[in-house]
Amino acid sequence: MKFTLPVNFSNLEANKDFVRWAAQVFESIYSLFNRNISFVDNCKTSLVSVTFAASNTQQAVPHTLGKIPTGYMTVGSASSGVVYAGASQSTTQYIYLQCTTAETKNLLIF
């Protein structure tokens, strides 16, 4: 869910419009903070699925951040492999990672 303003400020013509607009804003804020904040929608993150074909082999993982990532974490893994940083420097398009086992991992890159 993304927070958006329901009304353009320049279009407020009367106090009634402002009250209706304010009610919508507070309802949106309440909804956001009522356990509905999504990392993918509201933070600069990239959720990717990566298949590591071989253990301990560097993999170039594409992301959509538009900046050099500062970190990553495994999301919802049911396997024991550990993901760790590769030898190459991350770029604005790729993060280089390795895994201790050959498997598919879901990663949140930030």
PDB file of N, CA and C in Angstrom:
ATOM      1  N   MET A   1       0.841  -1.162   0.000  1.00  0.00           N
ATOM      2  CA  MET A   1       0.000   0.000   0.000  1.00  0.00           C
ATOM      3  C   MET A   1       0.890   1.229   0.000  1.00  0.00           C
ATOM      4  N   LYS A   2       0.571   2.203  -0.817  1.00  0.00           N
ATOM      5  CA  LYS A   2       1.318   3.453  -0.865  1.00  0.00           C
ATOM      6  C   LYS A   2       0.437   4.576  -0.358  1.00  0.00           C
ATOM      7  N   PHE A   3       1.008   5.477   0.414  1.00  0.00           N
ATOM      8  CA  PHE A   3       0.282   6.615   0.954  1.00  0.00           C
ATOM      9  C   PHE A   3       0.190   7.693  -0.104  1.00  0.00           C
ATOM     10  N   THR A   4      -1.018   8.106  -0.431  1.00  0.00           N
ATOM     11  CA  THR A   4      -1.226   9.189  -1.391  1.00  0.00           C
ATOM     12  C   THR A   4      -2.240  10.171  -0.825  1.00  0.00           C
ATOM     13  N   LEU A   5      -2.098  11.425  -1.206  1.00  0.00           N
ATOM     14  CA  LEU A   5      -3.075  12.423  -0.782  1.00  0.00           C
ATOM     15  C   LEU A   5      -4.278  12.364  -1.716  1.00  0.00           C
ATOM     16  N   PRO A   6      -5.480  12.306  -1.162  1.00  0.00           N
ATOM     17  CA  PRO A   6      -6.670  12.162  -1.990  1.00  0.00           C
ATOM     18  C   PRO A   6      -7.104  13.432  -2.713  1.00  0.00           C
ATOM     19  N   VAL A   7      -6.576  14.577  -2.304  1.00  0.00           N
ATOM     20  CA  VAL A   7      -7.030  15.855  -2.861  1.00  0.00           C
ATOM     21  C   VAL A   7      -5.817  16.750  -3.109  1.00  0.00           C
ATOM     22  N   ASN A   8      -5.880  17.529  -4.171  1.00  0.00           N
ATOM     23  CA  ASN A   8      -4.862  18.534  -4.452  1.00  0.00           C
ATOM     24  C   ASN A   8      -5.155  19.757  -3.582  1.00  0.00           C
ATOM     25  N   PHE A   9      -4.152  20.245  -2.829  1.00  0.00           N
ATOM     26  CA  PHE A   9      -4.364  21.393  -1.937  1.00  0.00           C
ATOM     27  C   PHE A   9      -4.943  22.602  -2.655  1.00  0.00           C
ATOM     28  N   SER A  10      -4.538  22.841  -3.879  1.00  0.00           N
ATOM     29  CA  SER A  10      -4.996  24.036  -4.588  1.00  0.00           C
ATOM     30  C   SER A  10      -6.481  23.975  -4.928  1.00  0.00           C
ATOM     31  N   ASN A  11      -7.096  22.817  -4.829  1.00  0.00           N
ATOM     32  CA  ASN A  11      -8.511  22.683  -5.171  1.00  0.00           C
ATOM     33  C   ASN A  11      -9.447  22.816  -3.971  1.00  0.00           C
ATOM     34  N   LEU A  12      -8.910  23.048  -2.781  1.00  0.00           N
ATOM     35  CA  LEU A  12      -9.770  23.205  -1.598  1.00  0.00           C
ATOM     36  C   LEU A  12     -10.489  24.553  -1.676  1.00  0.00           C
ATOM     37  N   GLU A  13     -11.819  24.518  -1.737  1.00  0.00           N
ATOM     38  CA  GLU A  13     -12.572  25.753  -1.925  1.00  0.00           C
ATOM     39  C   GLU A  13     -13.341  26.186  -0.681  1.00  0.00           C
ATOM     40  N   ALA A  14     -13.654  25.261   0.187  1.00  0.00           N
ATOM     41  CA  ALA A  14     -14.455  25.627   1.358  1.00  0.00           C
ATOM     42  C   ALA A  14     -14.038  24.775   2.544  1.00  0.00           C
ATOM     43  N   ASN A  15     -14.468  25.190   3.702  1.00  0.00           N
ATOM     44  CA  ASN A  15     -14.147  24.465   4.922  1.00  0.00           C
ATOM     45  C   ASN A  15     -14.652  23.021   4.848  1.00  0.00           C
ATOM     46  N   LYS A  16     -15.780  22.798   4.209  1.00  0.00           N
ATOM     47  CA  LYS A  16     -16.350  21.461   4.068  1.00  0.00           C
ATOM     48  C   LYS A  16     -15.401  20.545   3.288  1.00  0.00           C
ATOM     49  N   ASP A  17     -14.791  21.094   2.245  1.00  0.00           N
ATOM     50  CA  ASP A  17     -13.811  20.317   1.477  1.00  0.00           C
ATOM     51  C   ASP A  17     -12.611  19.952   2.345  1.00  0.00           C
ATOM     52  N   PHE A  18     -12.165  20.904   3.163  1.00  0.00           N
ATOM     53  CA  PHE A  18     -11.002  20.645   4.014  1.00  0.00           C
ATOM     54  C   PHE A  18     -11.311  19.550   5.036  1.00  0.00           C
ATOM     55  N   VAL A  19     -12.460  19.579   5.648  1.00  0.00           N
ATOM     56  CA  VAL A  19     -12.839  18.570   6.638  1.00  0.00           C
ATOM     57  C   VAL A  19     -12.895  17.191   5.980  1.00  0.00           C
ATOM     58  N   ARG A  20     -13.470  17.100   4.796  1.00  0.00           N
ATOM     59  CA  ARG A  20     -13.541  15.825   4.076  1.00  0.00           C
ATOM     60  C   ARG A  20     -12.130  15.341   3.720  1.00  0.00           C
ATOM     61  N   TRP A  21     -11.287  16.258   3.245  1.00  0.00           N
ATOM     62  CA  TRP A  21      -9.910  15.908   2.907  1.00  0.00           C
ATOM     63  C   TRP A  21      -9.144  15.440   4.143  1.00  0.00           C
ATOM     64  N   ALA A  22      -9.260  16.171   5.256  1.00  0.00           N
ATOM     65  CA  ALA A  22      -8.548  15.814   6.487  1.00  0.00           C
ATOM     66  C   ALA A  22      -8.987  14.445   6.985  1.00  0.00           C
ATOM     67  N   ALA A  23     -10.270  14.145   6.903  1.00  0.00           N
ATOM     68  CA  ALA A  23     -10.771  12.836   7.335  1.00  0.00           C
ATOM     69  C   ALA A  23     -10.154  11.723   6.490  1.00  0.00           C
ATOM     70  N   GLN A  24     -10.039  11.943   5.193  1.00  0.00           N
ATOM     71  CA  GLN A  24      -9.438  10.933   4.310  1.00  0.00           C
ATOM     72  C   GLN A  24      -7.954  10.737   4.630  1.00  0.00           C
ATOM     73  N   VAL A  25      -7.268  11.841   4.912  1.00  0.00           N
ATOM     74  CA  VAL A  25      -5.840  11.746   5.242  1.00  0.00           C
ATOM     75  C   VAL A  25      -5.650  10.963   6.533  1.00  0.00           C
ATOM     76  N   PHE A  26      -6.384  11.294   7.563  1.00  0.00           N
ATOM     77  CA  PHE A  26      -6.234  10.589   8.842  1.00  0.00           C
ATOM     78  C   PHE A  26      -6.644   9.121   8.720  1.00  0.00           C
ATOM     79  N   GLU A  27      -7.625   8.831   7.920  1.00  0.00           N
ATOM     80  CA  GLU A  27      -8.015   7.439   7.686  1.00  0.00           C
ATOM     81  C   GLU A  27      -6.882   6.680   6.988  1.00  0.00           C
ATOM     82  N   SER A  28      -6.236   7.317   6.023  1.00  0.00           N
ATOM     83  CA  SER A  28      -5.099   6.694   5.332  1.00  0.00           C
ATOM     84  C   SER A  28      -3.928   6.469   6.285  1.00  0.00           C
ATOM     85  N   ILE A  29      -3.638   7.454   7.118  1.00  0.00           N
ATOM     86  CA  ILE A  29      -2.550   7.319   8.084  1.00  0.00           C
ATOM     87  C   ILE A  29      -2.860   6.194   9.072  1.00  0.00           C
ATOM     88  N   TYR A  30      -4.074   6.157   9.577  1.00  0.00           N
ATOM     89  CA  TYR A  30      -4.475   5.096  10.498  1.00  0.00           C
ATOM     90  C   TYR A  30      -4.308   3.729   9.845  1.00  0.00           C
ATOM     91  N   SER A  31      -4.742   3.607   8.615  1.00  0.00           N
ATOM     92  CA  SER A  31      -4.630   2.341   7.892  1.00  0.00           C
ATOM     93  C   SER A  31      -3.177   1.943   7.696  1.00  0.00           C
ATOM     94  N   LEU A  32      -2.316   2.901   7.362  1.00  0.00           N
ATOM     95  CA  LEU A  32      -0.893   2.609   7.170  1.00  0.00           C
ATOM     96  C   LEU A  32      -0.244   2.081   8.437  1.00  0.00           C
ATOM     97  N   PHE A  33      -0.514   2.716   9.550  1.00  0.00           N
ATOM     98  CA  PHE A  33       0.132   2.330  10.796  1.00  0.00           C
ATOM     99  C   PHE A  33      -0.577   1.199  11.519  1.00  0.00           C
ATOM    100  N   ASN A  34      -1.658   0.714  10.982  1.00  0.00           N
ATOM    101  CA  ASN A  34      -2.388  -0.395  11.586  1.00  0.00           C
ATOM    102  C   ASN A  34      -1.932  -1.711  10.961  1.00  0.00           C
ATOM    103  N   ARG A  35      -0.617  -1.948  11.007  1.00  0.00           N
ATOM    104  CA  ARG A  35       0.015  -3.178  10.519  1.00  0.00           C
ATOM    105  C   ARG A  35      -0.116  -3.371   9.012  1.00  0.00           C
ATOM    106  N   ASN A  36      -0.155  -2.304   8.272  1.00  0.00           N
ATOM    107  CA  ASN A  36      -0.273  -2.409   6.819  1.00  0.00           C
ATOM    108  C   ASN A  36       0.905  -1.819   6.073  1.00  0.00           C
ATOM    109  N   ILE A  37       2.001  -1.539   6.760  1.00  0.00           N
ATOM    110  CA  ILE A  37       3.162  -0.966   6.088  1.00  0.00           C
ATOM    111  C   ILE A  37       3.910  -2.079   5.370  1.00  0.00           C
ATOM    112  N   SER A  38       4.110  -1.929   4.080  1.00  0.00           N
ATOM    113  CA  SER A  38       4.801  -2.917   3.260  1.00  0.00           C
ATOM    114  C   SER A  38       6.207  -2.423   2.928  1.00  0.00           C
ATOM    115  N   PHE A  39       7.234  -3.252   3.195  1.00  0.00           N
ATOM    116  CA  PHE A  39       8.598  -2.866   2.854  1.00  0.00           C
ATOM    117  C   PHE A  39       8.743  -2.614   1.362  1.00  0.00           C
ATOM    118  N   VAL A  40       8.174  -3.489   0.553  1.00  0.00           N
ATOM    119  CA  VAL A  40       8.344  -3.395  -0.894  1.00  0.00           C
ATOM    120  C   VAL A  40       7.707  -2.118  -1.445  1.00  0.00           C
ATOM    121  N   ASP A  41       6.523  -1.739  -0.968  1.00  0.00           N
ATOM    122  CA  ASP A  41       5.831  -0.555  -1.481  1.00  0.00           C
ATOM    123  C   ASP A  41       6.341   0.756  -0.893  1.00  0.00           C
ATOM    124  N   ASN A  42       6.777   0.748   0.352  1.00  0.00           N
ATOM    125  CA  ASN A  42       7.065   2.003   1.036  1.00  0.00           C
ATOM    126  C   ASN A  42       8.533   2.246   1.367  1.00  0.00           C
ATOM    127  N   CYS A  43       9.376   1.292   1.092  1.00  0.00           N
ATOM    128  CA  CYS A  43      10.810   1.461   1.322  1.00  0.00           C
ATOM    129  C   CYS A  43      11.538   1.193   0.009  1.00  0.00           C
ATOM    130  N   LYS A  44      12.727   1.694  -0.098  1.00  0.00           N
ATOM    131  CA  LYS A  44      13.510   1.480  -1.314  1.00  0.00           C
ATOM    132  C   LYS A  44      14.129   0.091  -1.226  1.00  0.00           C
ATOM    133  N   THR A  45      13.358  -0.914  -1.654  1.00  0.00           N
ATOM    134  CA  THR A  45      13.786  -2.313  -1.604  1.00  0.00           C
ATOM    135  C   THR A  45      13.485  -2.996  -2.925  1.00  0.00           C
ATOM    136  N   SER A  46      14.077  -4.153  -3.096  1.00  0.00           N
ATOM    137  CA  SER A  46      13.810  -4.989  -4.260  1.00  0.00           C
ATOM    138  C   SER A  46      13.663  -6.422  -3.759  1.00  0.00           C
ATOM    139  N   LEU A  47      12.538  -7.042  -4.022  1.00  0.00           N
ATOM    140  CA  LEU A  47      12.289  -8.423  -3.623  1.00  0.00           C
ATOM    141  C   LEU A  47      12.573  -9.317  -4.824  1.00  0.00           C
ATOM    142  N   VAL A  48      13.557 -10.228  -4.693  1.00  0.00           N
ATOM    143  CA  VAL A  48      13.968 -11.057  -5.813  1.00  0.00           C
ATOM    144  C   VAL A  48      14.077 -12.520  -5.389  1.00  0.00           C
ATOM    145  N   SER A  49      13.911 -13.392  -6.360  1.00  0.00           N
ATOM    146  CA  SER A  49      14.135 -14.820  -6.172  1.00  0.00           C
ATOM    147  C   SER A  49      15.403 -15.172  -6.944  1.00  0.00           C
ATOM    148  N   VAL A  50      16.357 -15.782  -6.252  1.00  0.00           N
ATOM    149  CA  VAL A  50      17.657 -16.073  -6.852  1.00  0.00           C
ATOM    150  C   VAL A  50      17.928 -17.568  -6.772  1.00  0.00           C
ATOM    151  N   THR A  51      18.311 -18.158  -7.902  1.00  0.00           N
ATOM    152  CA  THR A  51      18.703 -19.563  -7.910  1.00  0.00           C
ATOM    153  C   THR A  51      20.224 -19.633  -7.949  1.00  0.00           C
ATOM    154  N   PHE A  52      20.785 -20.161  -6.890  1.00  0.00           N
ATOM    155  CA  PHE A  52      22.227 -20.384  -6.818  1.00  0.00           C
ATOM    156  C   PHE A  52      22.467 -21.781  -7.377  1.00  0.00           C
ATOM    157  N   ALA A  53      23.062 -21.859  -8.557  1.00  0.00           N
ATOM    158  CA  ALA A  53      23.241 -23.132  -9.263  1.00  0.00           C
ATOM    159  C   ALA A  53      24.278 -24.031  -8.599  1.00  0.00           C
ATOM    160  N   ALA A  54      25.259 -23.438  -7.950  1.00  0.00           N
ATOM    161  CA  ALA A  54      26.305 -24.211  -7.288  1.00  0.00           C
ATOM    162  C   ALA A  54      26.645 -23.543  -5.962  1.00  0.00           C
ATOM    163  N   SER A  55      27.060 -24.318  -4.992  1.00  0.00           N
ATOM    164  CA  SER A  55      27.409 -23.754  -3.695  1.00  0.00           C
ATOM    165  C   SER A  55      28.682 -22.922  -3.781  1.00  0.00           C
ATOM    166  N   ASN A  56      28.708 -21.869  -2.979  1.00  0.00           N
ATOM    167  CA  ASN A  56      29.877 -20.996  -2.846  1.00  0.00           C
ATOM    168  C   ASN A  56      30.390 -20.436  -4.170  1.00  0.00           C
ATOM    169  N   THR A  57      29.459 -20.161  -5.091  1.00  0.00           N
ATOM    170  CA  THR A  57      29.794 -19.581  -6.387  1.00  0.00           C
ATOM    171  C   THR A  57      29.092 -18.221  -6.494  1.00  0.00           C
ATOM    172  N   GLN A  58      29.848 -17.198  -6.844  1.00  0.00           N
ATOM    173  CA  GLN A  58      29.283 -15.857  -6.931  1.00  0.00           C
ATOM    174  C   GLN A  58      28.198 -15.763  -7.996  1.00  0.00           C
ATOM    175  N   GLN A  59      27.134 -15.062  -7.654  1.00  0.00           N
ATOM    176  CA  GLN A  59      25.994 -14.864  -8.550  1.00  0.00           C
ATOM    177  C   GLN A  59      25.717 -13.369  -8.649  1.00  0.00           C
ATOM    178  N   ALA A  60      25.573 -12.848  -9.868  1.00  0.00           N
ATOM    179  CA  ALA A  60      25.169 -11.451 -10.071  1.00  0.00           C
ATOM    180  C   ALA A  60      23.652 -11.399  -9.974  1.00  0.00           C
ATOM    181  N   VAL A  61      23.147 -10.694  -8.986  1.00  0.00           N
ATOM    182  CA  VAL A  61      21.705 -10.626  -8.739  1.00  0.00           C
ATOM    183  C   VAL A  61      21.205  -9.242  -9.160  1.00  0.00           C
ATOM    184  N   PRO A  62      20.344  -9.174 -10.185  1.00  0.00           N
ATOM    185  CA  PRO A  62      19.830  -7.868 -10.608  1.00  0.00           C
ATOM    186  C   PRO A  62      18.830  -7.311  -9.585  1.00  0.00           C
ATOM    187  N   HIS A  63      18.831  -5.991  -9.437  1.00  0.00           N
ATOM    188  CA  HIS A  63      17.877  -5.326  -8.547  1.00  0.00           C
ATOM    189  C   HIS A  63      17.379  -4.055  -9.229  1.00  0.00           C
ATOM    190  N   THR A  64      16.337  -3.462  -8.681  1.00  0.00           N
ATOM    191  CA  THR A  64      15.725  -2.279  -9.289  1.00  0.00           C
ATOM    192  C   THR A  64      15.844  -1.046  -8.399  1.00  0.00           C
ATOM    193  N   LEU A  65      16.832  -1.010  -7.529  1.00  0.00           N
ATOM    194  CA  LEU A  65      16.952   0.100  -6.584  1.00  0.00           C
ATOM    195  C   LEU A  65      17.381   1.413  -7.224  1.00  0.00           C
ATOM    196  N   GLY A  66      18.194   1.341  -8.279  1.00  0.00           N
ATOM    197  CA  GLY A  66      18.719   2.556  -8.880  1.00  0.00           C
ATOM    198  C   GLY A  66      19.836   3.175  -8.054  1.00  0.00           C
ATOM    199  N   LYS A  67      20.354   2.427  -7.096  1.00  0.00           N
ATOM    200  CA  LYS A  67      21.462   2.866  -6.246  1.00  0.00           C
ATOM    201  C   LYS A  67      22.235   1.619  -5.834  1.00  0.00           C
ATOM    202  N   ILE A  68      23.405   1.804  -5.263  1.00  0.00           N
ATOM    203  CA  ILE A  68      24.185   0.666  -4.775  1.00  0.00           C
ATOM    204  C   ILE A  68      23.523   0.175  -3.483  1.00  0.00           C
ATOM    205  N   PRO A  69      23.179  -1.100  -3.408  1.00  0.00           N
ATOM    206  CA  PRO A  69      22.510  -1.622  -2.208  1.00  0.00           C
ATOM    207  C   PRO A  69      23.393  -1.513  -0.966  1.00  0.00           C
ATOM    208  N   THR A  70      22.743  -1.357   0.184  1.00  0.00           N
ATOM    209  CA  THR A  70      23.460  -1.315   1.456  1.00  0.00           C
ATOM    210  C   THR A  70      23.369  -2.639   2.191  1.00  0.00           C
ATOM    211  N   GLY A  71      22.459  -3.518   1.747  1.00  0.00           N
ATOM    212  CA  GLY A  71      22.329  -4.811   2.411  1.00  0.00           C
ATOM    213  C   GLY A  71      21.271  -5.680   1.770  1.00  0.00           C
ATOM    214  N   TYR A  72      21.063  -6.824   2.375  1.00  0.00           N
ATOM    215  CA  TYR A  72      20.083  -7.802   1.890  1.00  0.00           C
ATOM    216  C   TYR A  72      19.726  -8.707   3.047  1.00  0.00           C
ATOM    217  N   MET A  73      18.596  -9.403   2.935  1.00  0.00           N
ATOM    218  CA  MET A  73      18.250 -10.430   3.905  1.00  0.00           C
ATOM    219  C   MET A  73      17.399 -11.494   3.233  1.00  0.00           C
ATOM    220  N   THR A  74      17.529 -12.698   3.734  1.00  0.00           N
ATOM    221  CA  THR A  74      16.754 -13.819   3.217  1.00  0.00           C
ATOM    222  C   THR A  74      15.337 -13.706   3.765  1.00  0.00           C
ATOM    223  N   VAL A  75      14.349 -13.946   2.910  1.00  0.00           N
ATOM    224  CA  VAL A  75      12.948 -13.818   3.295  1.00  0.00           C
ATOM    225  C   VAL A  75      12.246 -15.161   3.112  1.00  0.00           C
ATOM    226  N   GLY A  76      11.676 -15.688   4.164  1.00  0.00           N
ATOM    227  CA  GLY A  76      10.860 -16.896   4.092  1.00  0.00           C
ATOM    228  C   GLY A  76      11.569 -18.135   3.590  1.00  0.00           C
ATOM    229  N   SER A  77      12.770 -18.369   4.017  1.00  0.00           N
ATOM    230  CA  SER A  77      13.521 -19.524   3.543  1.00  0.00           C
ATOM    231  C   SER A  77      13.156 -20.780   4.331  1.00  0.00           C
ATOM    232  N   ALA A  78      13.037 -21.888   3.612  1.00  0.00           N
ATOM    233  CA  ALA A  78      12.758 -23.176   4.255  1.00  0.00           C
ATOM    234  C   ALA A  78      13.978 -24.087   4.183  1.00  0.00           C
ATOM    235  N   SER A  79      15.114 -23.536   3.796  1.00  0.00           N
ATOM    236  CA  SER A  79      16.319 -24.352   3.654  1.00  0.00           C
ATOM    237  C   SER A  79      17.450 -23.772   4.499  1.00  0.00           C
ATOM    238  N   SER A  80      18.527 -24.531   4.609  1.00  0.00           N
ATOM    239  CA  SER A  80      19.584 -24.165   5.549  1.00  0.00           C
ATOM    240  C   SER A  80      20.740 -23.372   4.955  1.00  0.00           C
ATOM    241  N   GLY A  81      20.764 -23.150   3.655  1.00  0.00           N
ATOM    242  CA  GLY A  81      21.873 -22.424   3.041  1.00  0.00           C
ATOM    243  C   GLY A  81      21.952 -20.992   3.530  1.00  0.00           C
ATOM    244  N   VAL A  82      23.170 -20.495   3.664  1.00  0.00           N
ATOM    245  CA  VAL A  82      23.406 -19.122   4.132  1.00  0.00           C
ATOM    246  C   VAL A  82      23.899 -18.279   2.962  1.00  0.00           C
ATOM    247  N   VAL A  83      23.251 -17.147   2.744  1.00  0.00           N
ATOM    248  CA  VAL A  83      23.641 -16.217   1.682  1.00  0.00           C
ATOM    249  C   VAL A  83      24.678 -15.257   2.261  1.00  0.00           C
ATOM    250  N   TYR A  84      25.725 -14.983   1.492  1.00  0.00           N
ATOM    251  CA  TYR A  84      26.759 -14.059   1.935  1.00  0.00           C
ATOM    252  C   TYR A  84      27.303 -13.276   0.749  1.00  0.00           C
ATOM    253  N   ALA A  85      28.010 -12.190   1.048  1.00  0.00           N
ATOM    254  CA  ALA A  85      28.512 -11.278   0.019  1.00  0.00           C
ATOM    255  C   ALA A  85      29.546 -11.945  -0.866  1.00  0.00           C
ATOM    256  N   GLY A  86      29.465 -11.648  -2.168  1.00  0.00           N
ATOM    257  CA  GLY A  86      30.454 -12.127  -3.119  1.00  0.00           C
ATOM    258  C   GLY A  86      31.684 -11.227  -3.098  1.00  0.00           C
ATOM    259  N   ALA A  87      32.651 -11.551  -3.923  1.00  0.00           N
ATOM    260  CA  ALA A  87      33.907 -10.804  -3.953  1.00  0.00           C
ATOM    261  C   ALA A  87      33.793  -9.491  -4.729  1.00  0.00           C
ATOM    262  N   SER A  88      32.880  -9.413  -5.697  1.00  0.00           N
ATOM    263  CA  SER A  88      32.746  -8.204  -6.525  1.00  0.00           C
ATOM    264  C   SER A  88      31.956  -7.126  -5.795  1.00  0.00           C
ATOM    265  N   GLN A  89      32.237  -5.882  -6.135  1.00  0.00           N
ATOM    266  CA  GLN A  89      31.524  -4.745  -5.566  1.00  0.00           C
ATOM    267  C   GLN A  89      30.137  -4.628  -6.195  1.00  0.00           C
ATOM    268  N   SER A  90      29.127  -4.337  -5.390  1.00  0.00           N
ATOM    269  CA  SER A  90      27.774  -4.127  -5.892  1.00  0.00           C
ATOM    270  C   SER A  90      27.725  -2.864  -6.739  1.00  0.00           C
ATOM    271  N   THR A  91      26.771  -2.828  -7.671  1.00  0.00           N
ATOM    272  CA  THR A  91      26.584  -1.669  -8.545  1.00  0.00           C
ATOM    273  C   THR A  91      25.143  -1.191  -8.442  1.00  0.00           C
ATOM    274  N   THR A  92      24.799  -0.190  -9.222  1.00  0.00           N
ATOM    275  CA  THR A  92      23.426   0.312  -9.229  1.00  0.00           C
ATOM    276  C   THR A  92      22.471  -0.655  -9.931  1.00  0.00           C
ATOM    277  N   GLN A  93      23.007  -1.708 -10.547  1.00  0.00           N
ATOM    278  CA  GLN A  93      22.159  -2.691 -11.233  1.00  0.00           C
ATOM    279  C   GLN A  93      22.256  -4.097 -10.650  1.00  0.00           C
ATOM    280  N   TYR A  94      23.394  -4.432 -10.026  1.00  0.00           N
ATOM    281  CA  TYR A  94      23.608  -5.792  -9.523  1.00  0.00           C
ATOM    282  C   TYR A  94      24.210  -5.787  -8.123  1.00  0.00           C
ATOM    283  N   ILE A  95      23.825  -6.812  -7.349  1.00  0.00           N
ATOM    284  CA  ILE A  95      24.495  -7.111  -6.096  1.00  0.00           C
ATOM    285  C   ILE A  95      25.084  -8.509  -6.275  1.00  0.00           C
ATOM    286  N   TYR A  96      26.289  -8.712  -5.809  1.00  0.00           N
ATOM    287  CA  TYR A  96      26.974  -9.988  -6.012  1.00  0.00           C
ATOM    288  C   TYR A  96      26.949 -10.782  -4.719  1.00  0.00           C
ATOM    289  N   LEU A  97      26.308 -11.954  -4.794  1.00  0.00           N
ATOM    290  CA  LEU A  97      26.108 -12.781  -3.609  1.00  0.00           C
ATOM    291  C   LEU A  97      26.504 -14.222  -3.870  1.00  0.00           C
ATOM    292  N   GLN A  98      26.697 -14.955  -2.793  1.00  0.00           N
ATOM    293  CA  GLN A  98      26.979 -16.383  -2.845  1.00  0.00           C
ATOM    294  C   GLN A  98      26.099 -17.069  -1.813  1.00  0.00           C
ATOM    295  N   CYS A  99      25.955 -18.390  -1.944  1.00  0.00           N
ATOM    296  CA  CYS A  99      25.178 -19.171  -0.988  1.00  0.00           C
ATOM    297  C   CYS A  99      25.958 -20.446  -0.676  1.00  0.00           C
ATOM    298  N   THR A 100      25.879 -20.909   0.559  1.00  0.00           N
ATOM    299  CA  THR A 100      26.629 -22.099   0.966  1.00  0.00           C
ATOM    300  C   THR A 100      26.095 -23.380   0.346  1.00  0.00           C
ATOM    301  N   THR A 101      24.894 -23.325  -0.225  1.00  0.00           N
ATOM    302  CA  THR A 101      24.304 -24.488  -0.887  1.00  0.00           C
ATOM    303  C   THR A 101      23.712 -24.084  -2.228  1.00  0.00           C
ATOM    304  N   ALA A 102      23.514 -25.058  -3.107  1.00  0.00           N
ATOM    305  CA  ALA A 102      22.844 -24.802  -4.389  1.00  0.00           C
ATOM    306  C   ALA A 102      21.344 -24.862  -4.135  1.00  0.00           C
ATOM    307  N   GLU A 103      20.675 -23.741  -4.239  1.00  0.00           N
ATOM    308  CA  GLU A 103      19.237 -23.670  -3.967  1.00  0.00           C
ATOM    309  C   GLU A 103      18.677 -22.333  -4.413  1.00  0.00           C
ATOM    310  N   THR A 104      17.374 -22.170  -4.307  1.00  0.00           N
ATOM    311  CA  THR A 104      16.700 -20.913  -4.626  1.00  0.00           C
ATOM    312  C   THR A 104      16.361 -20.195  -3.331  1.00  0.00           C
ATOM    313  N   LYS A 105      16.672 -18.918  -3.292  1.00  0.00           N
ATOM    314  CA  LYS A 105      16.403 -18.092  -2.111  1.00  0.00           C
ATOM    315  C   LYS A 105      15.603 -16.860  -2.519  1.00  0.00           C
ATOM    316  N   ASN A 106      14.705 -16.412  -1.645  1.00  0.00           N
ATOM    317  CA  ASN A 106      14.018 -15.142  -1.806  1.00  0.00           C
ATOM    318  C   ASN A 106      14.762 -14.114  -0.973  1.00  0.00           C
ATOM    319  N   LEU A 107      15.128 -12.995  -1.613  1.00  0.00           N
ATOM    320  CA  LEU A 107      15.933 -11.988  -0.931  1.00  0.00           C
ATOM    321  C   LEU A 107      15.269 -10.619  -0.995  1.00  0.00           C
ATOM    322  N   LEU A 108      15.364  -9.889   0.086  1.00  0.00           N
ATOM    323  CA  LEU A 108      14.946  -8.496   0.124  1.00  0.00           C
ATOM    324  C   LEU A 108      16.226  -7.675   0.089  1.00  0.00           C
ATOM    325  N   ILE A 109      16.416  -6.942  -0.987  1.00  0.00           N
ATOM    326  CA  ILE A 109      17.634  -6.141  -1.169  1.00  0.00           C
ATOM    327  C   ILE A 109      17.281  -4.691  -0.855  1.00  0.00           C
ATOM    328  N   PHE A 110      18.122  -4.045  -0.075  1.00  0.00           N
ATOM    329  CA  PHE A 110      17.870  -2.656   0.311  1.00  0.00           C
ATOM    330  C   PHE A 110      19.129  -1.819   0.262  1.00  0.00           C
TER     331      PHE A 110
END
